[in-house]
N, C-alpha and C. Protein backbone atom coordinates (compact mmCIF):
# COMPACT_ATOMS: atom_id res chain seq x y z
N UNK A 1 0.78 -1.60 -0.05
CA UNK A 1 -0.03 0.09 -0.32
C UNK A 1 0.88 1.15 0.03
N UNK A 2 0.65 2.16 -0.96
CA UNK A 2 1.30 3.33 -0.81
C UNK A 2 1.19 4.15 0.23
N UNK A 3 1.51 5.31 0.32
CA UNK A 3 1.33 6.56 1.35
C UNK A 3 0.32 7.63 0.79
N UNK A 4 -0.09 7.55 -0.56
CA UNK A 4 -0.66 8.27 -0.58
C UNK A 4 -1.98 8.30 -0.24
N UNK A 5 -3.19 7.33 0.08
CA UNK A 5 -4.13 7.60 0.74
C UNK A 5 -4.39 8.38 2.46
N UNK A 6 -2.94 7.53 2.58
CA UNK A 6 -3.10 8.02 4.27
C UNK A 6 -2.55 9.73 4.11
N UNK A 7 -1.77 9.88 3.29
CA UNK A 7 -1.40 11.17 2.94
C UNK A 7 -2.54 12.29 2.65
N UNK A 8 -3.39 11.64 1.59
CA UNK A 8 -4.78 12.39 1.52
C UNK A 8 -5.74 12.65 2.54
N UNK A 9 -5.65 12.09 3.58
CA UNK A 9 -6.76 12.42 4.65
C UNK A 9 -5.96 13.36 5.25
N UNK A 10 -5.08 13.68 5.29
CA UNK A 10 -3.97 14.84 6.45
C UNK A 10 -4.32 16.15 5.30
N UNK A 11 -4.69 16.35 4.13
CA UNK A 11 -4.86 17.51 3.30
C UNK A 11 -6.35 18.35 3.46
N UNK A 12 -6.78 18.95 3.63
CA UNK A 12 -8.04 19.71 3.97
C UNK A 12 -8.70 19.72 2.24
N UNK A 13 -10.04 19.29 2.38
CA UNK A 13 -10.56 19.80 1.13
C UNK A 13 -10.97 21.04 0.69
N UNK A 14 -11.01 21.90 1.57
CA UNK A 14 -11.40 23.31 1.66
C UNK A 14 -10.67 23.89 2.66
N UNK A 15 -9.68 24.54 2.37
CA UNK A 15 -8.78 25.16 3.54
C UNK A 15 -9.48 26.36 4.24
N UNK A 16 -10.24 27.19 3.52
CA UNK A 16 -11.07 28.08 3.94
C UNK A 16 -12.02 27.70 5.01
N UNK A 17 -12.74 26.53 4.53
CA UNK A 17 -13.69 26.20 5.33
C UNK A 17 -13.61 25.18 6.40
N UNK A 18 -12.58 23.78 5.90
CA UNK A 18 -11.93 23.03 6.85
C UNK A 18 -10.95 22.98 7.84
N UNK A 19 -9.96 24.44 7.47
CA UNK A 19 -8.88 24.64 8.26
C UNK A 19 -7.78 24.39 7.55
N UNK A 20 -6.88 25.22 7.56
CA UNK A 20 -5.78 24.96 6.48
C UNK A 20 -4.72 23.90 7.04
N UNK A 21 -3.73 22.83 6.44
CA UNK A 21 -3.25 21.72 6.74
C UNK A 21 -2.50 22.09 7.96
N UNK A 22 -2.72 20.85 8.89
CA UNK A 22 -2.33 20.88 10.23
C UNK A 22 -2.74 21.77 11.15
N UNK A 23 -3.86 22.31 10.75
CA UNK A 23 -5.05 23.01 11.90
C UNK A 23 -6.45 22.94 11.46
N UNK A 24 -6.91 21.78 11.52
CA UNK A 24 -8.21 21.67 11.14
C UNK A 24 -9.12 22.11 12.07
N UNK A 25 -10.26 22.75 11.84
CA UNK A 25 -11.37 23.50 12.70
C UNK A 25 -12.35 22.72 13.20
N UNK A 26 -12.39 21.46 12.68
CA UNK A 26 -13.37 20.45 13.40
C UNK A 26 -12.75 20.23 14.76
N UNK A 27 -12.20 19.87 15.37
CA UNK A 27 -11.44 19.86 16.74
C UNK A 27 -11.85 20.81 17.42
N UNK A 28 -11.51 22.00 16.96
CA UNK A 28 -11.75 23.13 17.85
C UNK A 28 -13.38 23.61 17.96
N UNK A 29 -14.13 23.34 17.01
CA UNK A 29 -15.53 23.86 17.02
C UNK A 29 -16.26 22.75 17.79
N UNK A 30 -15.76 21.35 18.14
CA UNK A 30 -16.66 20.30 19.06
C UNK A 30 -16.43 20.70 20.49
N UNK A 31 -15.57 21.78 20.54
CA UNK A 31 -15.39 21.98 22.52
C UNK A 31 -16.69 22.87 22.57
N UNK A 32 -17.38 23.26 21.58
CA UNK A 32 -18.52 24.34 22.04
C UNK A 32 -19.90 23.13 22.54
N UNK A 33 -20.07 22.39 21.50
CA UNK A 33 -21.35 21.44 21.74
C UNK A 33 -20.99 20.63 22.89
N UNK A 34 -19.61 20.05 23.05
CA UNK A 34 -19.25 19.38 24.08
C UNK A 34 -19.49 20.11 25.80
N UNK A 35 -18.65 21.45 26.10
CA UNK A 35 -18.69 22.22 26.81
C UNK A 35 -20.12 22.51 27.02
N UNK A 36 -21.32 22.85 26.13
CA UNK A 36 -22.57 23.39 26.54
C UNK A 36 -23.20 22.07 27.04
N UNK A 37 -23.12 21.23 26.32
CA UNK A 37 -24.11 19.62 26.93
C UNK A 37 -23.49 19.35 28.24
N UNK A 38 -22.02 19.29 28.24
CA UNK A 38 -21.62 19.08 29.52
C UNK A 38 -22.27 19.87 30.72
N UNK A 39 -22.37 21.29 30.75
CA UNK A 39 -22.66 22.11 31.72
C UNK A 39 -24.62 22.18 31.82
N UNK A 40 -24.74 21.94 30.55
CA UNK A 40 -26.24 21.32 30.80
C UNK A 40 -26.58 20.28 31.71
N UNK A 41 -25.76 19.35 31.54
CA UNK A 41 -26.38 18.02 32.64
C UNK A 41 -26.06 18.60 34.00
N UNK A 42 -25.12 19.49 34.28
CA UNK A 42 -24.73 19.79 35.42
C UNK A 42 -25.50 20.85 36.06
N UNK A 43 -26.23 21.88 34.95
CA UNK A 43 -27.43 22.35 35.48
C UNK A 43 -28.68 21.76 35.90
N UNK A 44 -29.11 20.61 35.09
CA UNK A 44 -29.93 19.61 35.23
C UNK A 44 -29.73 18.92 36.53
N UNK A 45 -28.48 18.53 37.13
CA UNK A 45 -28.55 17.78 38.07
C UNK A 45 -28.78 18.66 39.50
N UNK A 46 -28.28 20.00 38.95
CA UNK A 46 -28.41 20.97 40.34
C UNK A 46 -29.56 21.34 40.08
N UNK A 47 -30.50 21.51 39.04
CA UNK A 47 -32.05 21.70 39.43
C UNK A 47 -32.88 20.79 40.34
N UNK A 48 -31.99 19.47 40.27
CA UNK A 48 -32.93 18.55 41.28
C UNK A 48 -32.52 19.02 42.72
N UNK A 49 -31.51 19.59 42.99
CA UNK A 49 -31.34 19.78 44.37
C UNK A 49 -31.22 21.25 44.95
N UNK A 50 -31.51 22.20 44.35
CA UNK A 50 -31.79 23.65 45.01
C UNK A 50 -33.14 23.72 45.29
N UNK A 51 -33.68 24.91 45.99
CA UNK A 51 -34.93 25.43 46.72
C UNK A 51 -35.47 26.05 45.00
N UNK A 52 -35.05 26.87 44.63
CA UNK A 52 -35.70 27.46 43.22
C UNK A 52 -34.78 27.43 42.20
N UNK A 53 -35.26 26.33 41.42
CA UNK A 53 -34.69 25.62 40.28
C UNK A 53 -34.75 26.38 38.69
N UNK A 54 -35.74 27.29 38.70
CA UNK A 54 -35.89 27.84 37.47
C UNK A 54 -34.86 28.36 36.72
N UNK A 55 -33.88 29.14 37.34
CA UNK A 55 -32.69 29.44 36.39
C UNK A 55 -32.09 28.57 35.83
N UNK A 56 -31.87 27.43 36.60
CA UNK A 56 -31.01 26.26 36.14
C UNK A 56 -31.65 25.60 35.15
N UNK A 57 -32.80 25.26 34.99
CA UNK A 57 -33.61 24.73 33.87
C UNK A 57 -33.36 25.44 32.57
N UNK A 58 -33.78 26.80 32.93
CA UNK A 58 -33.71 27.89 31.89
C UNK A 58 -32.19 27.94 31.52
N UNK A 59 -31.05 28.00 31.91
CA UNK A 59 -30.16 28.05 31.80
C UNK A 59 -29.56 26.68 30.96
N UNK A 60 -30.10 25.93 31.41
CA UNK A 60 -29.75 24.23 30.65
C UNK A 60 -30.40 24.19 29.17
N UNK A 61 -31.61 24.56 29.22
CA UNK A 61 -32.39 24.63 28.15
C UNK A 61 -31.24 25.32 26.68
N UNK A 62 -30.91 26.86 27.64
CA UNK A 62 -30.16 27.52 26.62
C UNK A 62 -29.00 26.85 26.28
N UNK A 63 -28.17 26.30 26.86
CA UNK A 63 -26.79 25.68 27.06
C UNK A 63 -27.12 24.33 25.93
N UNK A 64 -28.21 24.02 26.09
CA UNK A 64 -28.70 22.51 24.80
C UNK A 64 -28.71 23.36 23.44
N UNK A 65 -29.36 24.63 23.27
CA UNK A 65 -29.54 25.21 22.28
C UNK A 65 -28.18 25.90 21.68
N UNK A 66 -27.23 26.22 22.66
CA UNK A 66 -26.08 26.82 21.76
C UNK A 66 -25.10 25.55 21.31
N UNK A 67 -25.25 24.08 22.33
CA UNK A 67 -24.72 22.94 22.04
C UNK A 67 -24.94 22.49 20.60
N UNK A 68 -26.32 22.83 20.18
CA UNK A 68 -27.03 22.20 18.83
C UNK A 68 -26.61 23.04 17.73
N UNK A 69 -26.43 24.59 18.07
CA UNK A 69 -25.78 25.45 17.18
C UNK A 69 -24.61 24.93 16.90
N UNK A 70 -23.38 25.02 17.90
CA UNK A 70 -22.35 24.47 17.98
C UNK A 70 -21.87 23.06 16.99
N UNK A 71 -22.87 22.13 17.51
CA UNK A 71 -22.64 20.99 16.59
C UNK A 71 -23.01 20.90 15.14
N UNK A 72 -23.68 21.90 14.74
CA UNK A 72 -23.98 21.98 13.43
C UNK A 72 -22.61 22.62 12.48
N UNK A 73 -22.28 23.62 13.54
CA UNK A 73 -21.04 24.22 12.75
C UNK A 73 -20.11 22.96 12.56
N UNK A 74 -19.55 22.73 13.73
CA UNK A 74 -18.56 21.43 13.67
C UNK A 74 -18.94 20.43 12.70
N UNK A 75 -20.31 19.86 12.43
CA UNK A 75 -20.46 19.13 11.69
C UNK A 75 -20.30 19.55 10.16
N UNK A 76 -20.18 20.80 9.86
CA UNK A 76 -19.87 21.12 8.47
C UNK A 76 -18.36 20.78 8.26
N UNK A 77 -17.53 21.42 9.31
CA UNK A 77 -15.92 21.24 9.44
C UNK A 77 -15.99 19.38 9.03
N UNK A 78 -16.35 18.81 10.01
CA UNK A 78 -16.40 17.57 9.90
C UNK A 78 -16.52 16.51 8.77
N UNK A 79 -17.87 17.46 8.19
CA UNK A 79 -17.90 16.37 6.84
C UNK A 79 -16.98 16.79 5.69
N UNK A 80 -16.55 17.91 5.74
CA UNK A 80 -15.37 18.47 4.84
C UNK A 80 -14.22 17.60 4.93
N UNK A 81 -13.78 17.01 6.28
CA UNK A 81 -12.75 16.18 6.78
C UNK A 81 -12.93 14.72 6.09
N UNK A 82 -14.13 14.56 6.31
CA UNK A 82 -14.64 13.22 5.91
C UNK A 82 -14.47 12.98 4.24
N UNK A 83 -14.59 13.99 3.67
CA UNK A 83 -14.43 13.97 2.37
C UNK A 83 -13.01 13.48 1.68
N UNK A 84 -12.01 13.97 2.82
CA UNK A 84 -10.53 14.07 2.49
C UNK A 84 -10.26 12.43 2.98
N UNK A 85 -10.95 11.75 3.32
CA UNK A 85 -10.57 10.45 3.81
C UNK A 85 -10.94 9.33 2.65
N UNK A 86 -9.98 8.59 2.23
CA UNK A 86 -10.32 7.42 1.41
C UNK A 86 -11.78 6.38 1.50
N UNK A 87 -12.43 6.18 0.65
CA UNK A 87 -13.40 5.22 1.05
C UNK A 87 -12.88 3.95 1.01
N UNK A 88 -13.42 2.92 1.87
CA UNK A 88 -13.23 1.49 1.75
C UNK A 88 -12.09 1.04 2.85
N UNK A 89 -11.39 2.54 3.74
CA UNK A 89 -10.72 2.08 4.61
C UNK A 89 -11.00 2.04 6.05
N UNK A 90 -10.60 1.43 7.35
CA UNK A 90 -10.93 1.60 8.28
C UNK A 90 -11.02 3.08 8.98
N UNK A 91 -10.33 3.91 8.50
CA UNK A 91 -10.73 5.24 8.70
C UNK A 91 -11.90 5.68 8.23
N UNK A 92 -12.10 5.50 7.20
CA UNK A 92 -13.57 6.09 6.72
C UNK A 92 -14.61 5.39 7.29
N UNK A 93 -14.68 3.94 7.47
CA UNK A 93 -15.63 3.57 8.26
C UNK A 93 -15.69 4.05 9.59
N UNK A 94 -14.85 4.59 10.57
CA UNK A 94 -14.72 4.91 11.81
C UNK A 94 -15.55 6.34 11.57
N UNK A 95 -14.81 6.87 10.48
CA UNK A 95 -15.33 8.46 10.65
C UNK A 95 -16.72 8.50 10.19
N UNK A 96 -17.63 7.95 9.46
CA UNK A 96 -19.02 7.10 9.30
C UNK A 96 -19.65 6.93 10.66
N UNK A 97 -18.95 6.01 11.43
CA UNK A 97 -19.62 5.59 12.66
C UNK A 97 -19.65 7.18 13.82
N UNK A 98 -18.49 7.65 13.60
CA UNK A 98 -18.34 8.85 14.48
C UNK A 98 -19.34 9.89 14.05
N UNK A 99 -19.37 10.39 12.68
CA UNK A 99 -20.46 11.29 12.14
C UNK A 99 -21.88 10.63 12.46
N UNK A 100 -22.28 9.48 12.20
CA UNK A 100 -23.83 9.04 12.58
C UNK A 100 -23.96 9.12 14.06
N UNK A 101 -23.19 8.89 15.01
CA UNK A 101 -23.54 8.82 16.29
C UNK A 101 -23.66 10.43 16.80
N UNK A 102 -22.69 11.31 16.27
CA UNK A 102 -23.03 12.73 16.49
C UNK A 102 -24.31 13.32 15.95
N UNK A 103 -24.55 12.60 14.73
CA UNK A 103 -25.85 13.34 14.26
C UNK A 103 -27.06 12.75 15.10
N UNK A 104 -26.90 11.54 15.85
CA UNK A 104 -28.05 11.11 16.66
C UNK A 104 -27.89 11.93 17.91
N UNK A 105 -26.66 11.91 18.46
CA UNK A 105 -26.68 12.96 19.37
C UNK A 105 -27.41 14.52 19.60
N UNK A 106 -26.97 14.90 18.04
CA UNK A 106 -27.63 16.13 17.81
C UNK A 106 -29.11 16.44 17.95
N UNK A 107 -29.52 15.04 17.12
CA UNK A 107 -31.01 15.11 17.12
C UNK A 107 -31.77 15.03 18.65
N UNK A 108 -30.99 13.93 19.49
CA UNK A 108 -31.30 13.61 20.58
C UNK A 108 -31.55 14.94 21.45
N UNK A 109 -30.62 16.02 21.37
CA UNK A 109 -30.75 17.29 21.88
C UNK A 109 -31.55 18.22 21.68
N UNK A 110 -31.83 17.85 20.18
CA UNK A 110 -33.05 18.82 19.50
C UNK A 110 -34.31 18.34 20.22
N UNK A 111 -34.36 17.14 20.24
CA UNK A 111 -35.63 16.46 20.78
C UNK A 111 -35.75 16.92 22.66
N UNK A 112 -34.81 16.75 22.83
CA UNK A 112 -34.71 17.75 24.45
C UNK A 112 -34.93 18.82 24.60
N UNK A 113 -34.49 19.46 23.53
CA UNK A 113 -34.90 21.21 23.70
C UNK A 113 -36.37 21.34 23.45
N UNK A 114 -36.94 20.54 22.48
CA UNK A 114 -38.42 20.70 22.18
C UNK A 114 -39.22 20.19 23.38
N UNK A 115 -38.88 19.27 23.97
CA UNK A 115 -39.59 18.36 25.17
C UNK A 115 -39.45 19.83 26.20
N UNK A 116 -38.39 20.16 26.62
CA UNK A 116 -38.11 21.31 27.70
C UNK A 116 -38.98 22.52 27.49
N UNK A 117 -39.33 22.66 26.32
CA UNK A 117 -40.03 24.19 25.92
C UNK A 117 -41.31 24.13 26.15
N UNK A 118 -42.21 23.11 26.63
CA UNK A 118 -43.21 23.29 27.01
C UNK A 118 -43.36 23.39 28.61
N UNK A 119 -42.54 23.67 29.65
CA UNK A 119 -41.93 23.85 30.71
C UNK A 119 -41.18 24.82 31.11
N UNK A 120 -40.45 25.48 29.86
CA UNK A 120 -39.31 26.66 30.21
C UNK A 120 -39.71 27.68 31.50
N UNK A 121 -41.05 28.05 31.67
CA UNK A 121 -41.45 28.69 32.59
C UNK A 121 -41.87 28.60 33.90
N UNK A 122 -41.99 27.31 33.94
CA UNK A 122 -42.57 27.04 35.39
C UNK A 122 -41.85 26.71 36.46
N UNK A 123 -40.60 26.98 36.14
CA UNK A 123 -39.56 27.31 37.61
C UNK A 123 -39.51 26.02 38.48
N UNK A 124 -39.69 24.61 37.67
CA UNK A 124 -39.59 23.56 38.23
C UNK A 124 -38.20 22.96 37.89
N UNK A 125 -37.87 22.03 38.53
CA UNK A 125 -36.70 21.28 38.25
C UNK A 125 -36.56 20.42 36.64
N UNK A 126 -35.63 20.13 36.31
CA UNK A 126 -35.84 19.04 35.16
C UNK A 126 -36.16 17.75 35.49
N UNK A 127 -37.26 17.45 34.60
CA UNK A 127 -37.55 15.80 35.10
C UNK A 127 -36.61 15.01 34.89
N UNK A 128 -37.01 13.79 35.44
CA UNK A 128 -36.24 12.66 35.05
C UNK A 128 -36.12 12.11 33.90
N UNK A 129 -36.85 12.35 33.02
CA UNK A 129 -36.74 11.63 31.61
C UNK A 129 -35.75 12.83 30.85
N UNK A 130 -36.02 13.71 31.23
CA UNK A 130 -35.04 14.56 30.21
C UNK A 130 -33.69 14.51 30.72
N UNK A 131 -33.38 14.50 32.19
CA UNK A 131 -32.33 14.29 32.61
C UNK A 131 -31.78 12.94 32.22
N UNK A 132 -32.14 12.13 31.93
CA UNK A 132 -31.85 10.82 31.54
C UNK A 132 -31.39 10.68 29.98
N UNK A 133 -32.18 11.49 29.23
CA UNK A 133 -32.02 11.74 27.81
C UNK A 133 -30.70 12.45 27.69
N UNK A 134 -30.53 13.59 28.70
CA UNK A 134 -29.30 14.58 28.62
C UNK A 134 -28.04 13.53 28.82
N UNK A 135 -28.23 12.66 30.16
CA UNK A 135 -27.01 12.05 30.40
C UNK A 135 -26.71 10.89 29.40
N UNK A 136 -27.78 9.85 28.48
CA UNK A 136 -27.46 8.96 27.77
C UNK A 136 -27.17 9.98 26.60
N UNK A 137 -27.43 10.98 26.19
CA UNK A 137 -26.64 11.54 24.79
C UNK A 137 -25.59 12.04 25.37
N UNK A 138 -25.16 12.61 26.18
CA UNK A 138 -23.76 12.55 26.63
C UNK A 138 -22.84 11.54 26.47
N UNK A 139 -23.46 10.29 27.10
CA UNK A 139 -22.63 9.34 27.18
C UNK A 139 -22.23 8.66 25.63
N UNK A 140 -23.26 8.78 24.53
CA UNK A 140 -22.95 8.51 23.40
C UNK A 140 -21.99 9.33 22.57
N UNK A 141 -22.19 10.82 23.17
CA UNK A 141 -21.36 11.71 22.63
C UNK A 141 -19.76 11.17 23.01
N UNK A 142 -19.60 10.59 24.28
CA UNK A 142 -18.33 10.30 24.52
C UNK A 142 -17.80 9.24 23.73
N UNK A 143 -18.47 8.46 23.53
CA UNK A 143 -18.41 7.29 22.65
C UNK A 143 -17.86 7.81 21.28
N UNK A 144 -18.40 8.57 20.82
CA UNK A 144 -18.37 9.33 19.34
C UNK A 144 -17.01 10.09 19.55
N UNK A 145 -16.59 10.86 20.71
CA UNK A 145 -15.42 11.39 21.01
C UNK A 145 -14.42 10.57 20.81
N UNK A 146 -14.46 9.16 21.64
CA UNK A 146 -13.39 8.33 21.34
C UNK A 146 -13.19 8.37 19.99
N UNK A 147 -14.34 8.02 19.24
CA UNK A 147 -13.42 7.55 17.54
C UNK A 147 -12.96 8.59 17.08
N UNK A 148 -13.37 10.27 17.47
CA UNK A 148 -12.84 11.04 16.99
C UNK A 148 -11.53 11.10 17.05
N UNK A 149 -10.98 10.72 18.38
CA UNK A 149 -9.62 10.82 18.91
C UNK A 149 -8.72 9.69 17.83
N UNK A 150 -9.38 8.59 18.10
CA UNK A 150 -8.85 7.46 16.97
C UNK A 150 -8.56 7.95 15.82
N UNK A 151 -9.80 8.86 14.91
CA UNK A 151 -9.46 9.08 13.53
C UNK A 151 -7.88 10.11 13.48
N UNK A 152 -8.01 10.99 14.59
CA UNK A 152 -6.81 12.05 14.63
C UNK A 152 -5.70 11.12 15.15
N UNK A 153 -5.74 10.18 16.24
CA UNK A 153 -4.32 10.12 16.86
C UNK A 153 -3.82 8.82 16.61
N UNK A 154 -4.79 7.99 15.87
CA UNK A 154 -4.30 6.64 15.38
C UNK A 154 -4.16 6.38 13.96
N UNK A 155 -5.07 7.08 13.42
CA UNK A 155 -5.28 7.32 11.67
C UNK A 155 -4.74 8.54 11.26
N UNK A 156 -4.55 9.45 12.00
CA UNK A 156 -3.53 10.84 11.56
C UNK A 156 -4.27 11.55 10.29
N UNK A 157 -6.12 11.60 10.67
CA UNK A 157 -6.63 12.34 9.87
C UNK A 157 -6.47 13.68 10.08
N UNK A 158 -6.22 14.63 8.71
CA UNK A 158 -5.98 16.00 9.13
C UNK A 158 -4.91 16.42 10.25
N UNK A 159 -4.06 15.32 10.66
CA UNK A 159 -3.09 15.83 11.46
C UNK A 159 -1.54 15.83 10.44
N UNK A 160 -0.67 16.80 10.50
CA UNK A 160 0.35 17.03 9.98
C UNK A 160 1.43 15.69 9.54
N UNK A 161 1.99 15.60 8.66
CA UNK A 161 2.58 14.41 8.43
C UNK A 161 3.67 14.37 9.32
N UNK A 162 4.20 13.11 9.10
CA UNK A 162 5.46 12.97 10.45
C UNK A 162 6.89 14.00 9.95
N UNK A 163 6.80 14.04 8.47
CA UNK A 163 8.22 15.23 8.22
C UNK A 163 7.93 16.14 8.86
N UNK A 164 6.49 16.65 8.72
CA UNK A 164 6.32 18.41 9.17
C UNK A 164 6.35 18.26 10.59
N UNK A 165 5.80 17.17 11.30
CA UNK A 165 5.99 16.80 12.87
C UNK A 165 7.33 16.98 13.08
N UNK A 166 8.33 16.53 12.65
CA UNK A 166 9.26 16.34 13.06
C UNK A 166 10.49 17.35 12.80
N UNK A 167 9.95 18.43 12.02
CA UNK A 167 10.87 20.16 12.57
C UNK A 167 10.24 20.65 14.06
N UNK A 168 9.39 20.34 14.58
CA UNK A 168 9.10 20.32 15.93
C UNK A 168 10.06 19.95 16.94
N UNK A 169 10.63 19.09 16.48
CA UNK A 169 11.66 18.14 17.40
C UNK A 169 13.24 18.39 16.87
N UNK A 170 13.50 19.17 15.96
CA UNK A 170 14.81 19.32 15.51
C UNK A 170 15.50 20.31 16.43
N UNK A 171 16.80 19.90 16.59
CA UNK A 171 17.29 20.41 17.85
C UNK A 171 18.21 21.88 17.15
N UNK A 172 18.09 22.97 17.75
CA UNK A 172 18.95 24.13 17.15
C UNK A 172 17.87 25.09 16.41
N UNK A 173 16.64 24.61 16.42
CA UNK A 173 15.74 25.40 15.50
C UNK A 173 15.70 27.02 16.39
N UNK A 174 15.88 28.09 15.66
CA UNK A 174 15.56 29.49 16.40
C UNK A 174 14.65 29.85 16.85
N UNK A 175 14.09 30.97 17.58
CA UNK A 175 12.77 31.44 17.81
C UNK A 175 12.32 32.11 16.47
N UNK A 176 13.20 32.77 15.78
CA UNK A 176 12.81 32.86 14.15
C UNK A 176 12.31 32.14 13.02
N UNK A 177 13.05 30.84 13.46
CA UNK A 177 12.38 29.71 12.44
C UNK A 177 11.00 29.47 12.90
N UNK A 178 10.78 29.00 14.30
CA UNK A 178 9.51 28.65 14.87
C UNK A 178 8.25 29.91 14.54
N UNK A 179 8.52 30.96 14.57
CA UNK A 179 7.59 32.09 14.06
C UNK A 179 7.31 31.98 12.52
N UNK A 180 8.30 31.84 12.02
CA UNK A 180 7.58 31.57 10.20
C UNK A 180 6.90 30.53 10.28
N UNK A 181 6.98 29.39 10.75
CA UNK A 181 6.00 28.19 10.86
C UNK A 181 4.55 29.08 11.19
N UNK A 182 4.51 29.40 12.34
CA UNK A 182 3.18 30.22 12.88
C UNK A 182 2.64 30.93 12.04
């Protein structure tokens, strides 16, 4: 097997949308939904233990909305990265499962948002069904994140090739050399 398919997955399909070589946007963008959805679960749990939980349930719903918007933006960049992976490879199959899980999680959070909408201003805590849906969705997101890590760290998707990485470990490079790369 030649190195060509492996190297193909390292190059962006569109640098302006997916990020330049060695600096993909997808891993940066996924921090928004992950952070928002983790925080929403924390707010959900807290809403079950405080005396006046209305602000937490409303905050959680807003965090879910922020996460959905962030997930859609991350999906655009991730979809472009998928196009760079040669079909029929283990990396491509892993990417398809990763994408499918993320789409299911995002759909679950959209459903969770709509489910909460009817009780947005009632001032009560988050119900057990909504809390469980958030927890299960977040667990599925963790599995998907594991697969995303496998794509980057095991298969090297959108990661600079080894010769480019070696530049950072070459003794004697001056600060000027480093600044010219950044």
